[in-house]
């Protein structure tokens, strides 16, 4: 095997390894974004539940009057 062929093979392996690493990093980033979106959605749901509870309590107090 001549040296140019060895270099081409070596560079090809480096590129493939880098691409695999980049793919893993992209998957991890997508997972983090999904988890962040889930947390935001949970917070909004909780906030909506608290608002509904407050409105129900106010309605009950108004009905008592």
C-alpha atoms as a PDB file:
ATOM      1  CA  UNK A   1       0.000   0.000   0.000  1.00  0.00           C
ATOM      2  CA  UNK A   2       1.489   3.307  -0.951  1.00  0.00           C
ATOM      3  CA  UNK A   3       1.531   6.264   1.451  1.00  0.00           C
ATOM      4  CA  UNK A   4      -1.129   8.256  -0.441  1.00  0.00           C
ATOM      5  CA  UNK A   5      -3.595   5.410  -0.211  1.00  0.00           C
ATOM      6  CA  UNK A   6      -2.867   5.053   3.514  1.00  0.00           C
ATOM      7  CA  UNK A   7      -3.433   8.785   4.026  1.00  0.00           C
ATOM      8  CA  UNK A   8      -6.727   8.675   2.092  1.00  0.00           C
ATOM      9  CA  UNK A   9      -7.914   5.728   4.174  1.00  0.00           C
ATOM     10  CA  UNK A  10      -6.821   7.442   7.400  1.00  0.00           C
ATOM     11  CA  UNK A  11      -8.569  10.686   6.502  1.00  0.00           C
ATOM     12  CA  UNK A  12     -11.678   8.773   5.464  1.00  0.00           C
ATOM     13  CA  UNK A  13     -11.788   7.026   8.826  1.00  0.00           C
ATOM     14  CA  UNK A  14     -11.356  10.354  10.630  1.00  0.00           C
ATOM     15  CA  UNK A  15     -14.220  11.880   8.638  1.00  0.00           C
ATOM     16  CA  UNK A  16     -16.491   8.916   9.334  1.00  0.00           C
ATOM     17  CA  UNK A  17     -15.622   9.020  13.033  1.00  0.00           C
ATOM     18  CA  UNK A  18     -16.271  12.756  13.150  1.00  0.00           C
ATOM     19  CA  UNK A  19     -19.594  12.329  11.384  1.00  0.00           C
ATOM     20  CA  UNK A  20     -20.653   9.658  13.863  1.00  0.00           C
ATOM     21  CA  UNK A  21     -19.645  11.907  16.763  1.00  0.00           C
ATOM     22  CA  UNK A  22     -21.533  14.857  15.236  1.00  0.00           C
ATOM     23  CA  UNK A  23     -24.608  12.655  14.809  1.00  0.00           C
ATOM     24  CA  UNK A  24     -24.441  11.618  18.467  1.00  0.00           C
ATOM     25  CA  UNK A  25     -24.058  15.242  19.526  1.00  0.00           C
ATOM     26  CA  UNK A  26     -27.049  16.243  17.402  1.00  0.00           C
ATOM     27  CA  UNK A  27     -29.141  13.478  18.978  1.00  0.00           C
ATOM     28  CA  UNK A  28     -28.131  14.602  22.470  1.00  0.00           C
ATOM     29  CA  UNK A  29     -28.985  18.209  21.659  1.00  0.00           C
ATOM     30  CA  UNK A  30     -32.382  17.170  20.290  1.00  0.00           C
ATOM     31  CA  UNK A  31     -33.053  15.199  23.482  1.00  0.00           C
ATOM     32  CA  UNK A  32     -32.141  18.208  25.621  1.00  0.00           C
ATOM     33  CA  UNK A  33     -34.444  20.445  23.588  1.00  0.00           C
ATOM     34  CA  UNK A  34     -37.282  17.913  23.957  1.00  0.00           C
ATOM     35  CA  UNK A  35     -36.761  17.722  27.721  1.00  0.00           C
ATOM     36  CA  UNK A  36     -36.722  21.514  27.989  1.00  0.00           C
ATOM     37  CA  UNK A  37     -39.940  21.694  25.981  1.00  0.00           C
ATOM     38  CA  UNK A  38     -41.515  19.112  28.284  1.00  0.00           C
ATOM     39  CA  UNK A  39     -40.529  21.120  31.355  1.00  0.00           C
ATOM     40  CA  UNK A  40     -41.962  24.309  29.855  1.00  0.00           C
ATOM     41  CA  UNK A  41     -45.174  22.497  28.974  1.00  0.00           C
ATOM     42  CA  UNK A  42     -45.452  21.120  32.517  1.00  0.00           C
ATOM     43  CA  UNK A  43     -44.952  24.579  34.002  1.00  0.00           C
ATOM     44  CA  UNK A  44     -47.636  26.047  31.759  1.00  0.00           C
ATOM     45  CA  UNK A  45     -50.036  23.242  32.651  1.00  0.00           C
ATOM     46  CA  UNK A  46     -49.401  23.816  36.363  1.00  0.00           C
ATOM     47  CA  UNK A  47     -49.862  27.547  35.961  1.00  0.00           C
ATOM     48  CA  UNK A  48     -53.130  26.980  34.111  1.00  0.00           C
ATOM     49  CA  UNK A  49     -54.319  24.630  36.863  1.00  0.00           C
ATOM     50  CA  UNK A  50     -53.541  27.244  39.529  1.00  0.00           C
ATOM     51  CA  UNK A  51     -55.408  29.923  37.577  1.00  0.00           C
ATOM     52  CA  UNK A  52     -58.425  27.628  37.185  1.00  0.00           C
ATOM     53  CA  UNK A  53     -58.391  26.910  40.920  1.00  0.00           C
ATOM     54  CA  UNK A  54     -58.234  30.622  41.775  1.00  0.00           C
ATOM     55  CA  UNK A  55     -61.119  31.390  39.448  1.00  0.00           C
ATOM     56  CA  UNK A  56     -63.179  28.581  40.965  1.00  0.00           C
ATOM     57  CA  UNK A  57     -62.461  29.883  44.469  1.00  0.00           C
ATOM     58  CA  UNK A  58     -63.450  33.410  43.468  1.00  0.00           C
ATOM     59  CA  UNK A  59     -66.621  32.108  41.876  1.00  0.00           C
ATOM     60  CA  UNK A  60     -67.468  30.207  45.073  1.00  0.00           C
ATOM     61  CA  UNK A  61     -66.935  33.334  47.181  1.00  0.00           C
ATOM     62  CA  UNK A  62     -69.114  35.383  44.838  1.00  0.00           C
ATOM     63  CA  UNK A  63     -71.841  32.724  45.005  1.00  0.00           C
ATOM     64  CA  UNK A  64     -71.728  32.819  48.823  1.00  0.00           C
ATOM     65  CA  UNK A  65     -72.441  36.553  48.825  1.00  0.00           C
END
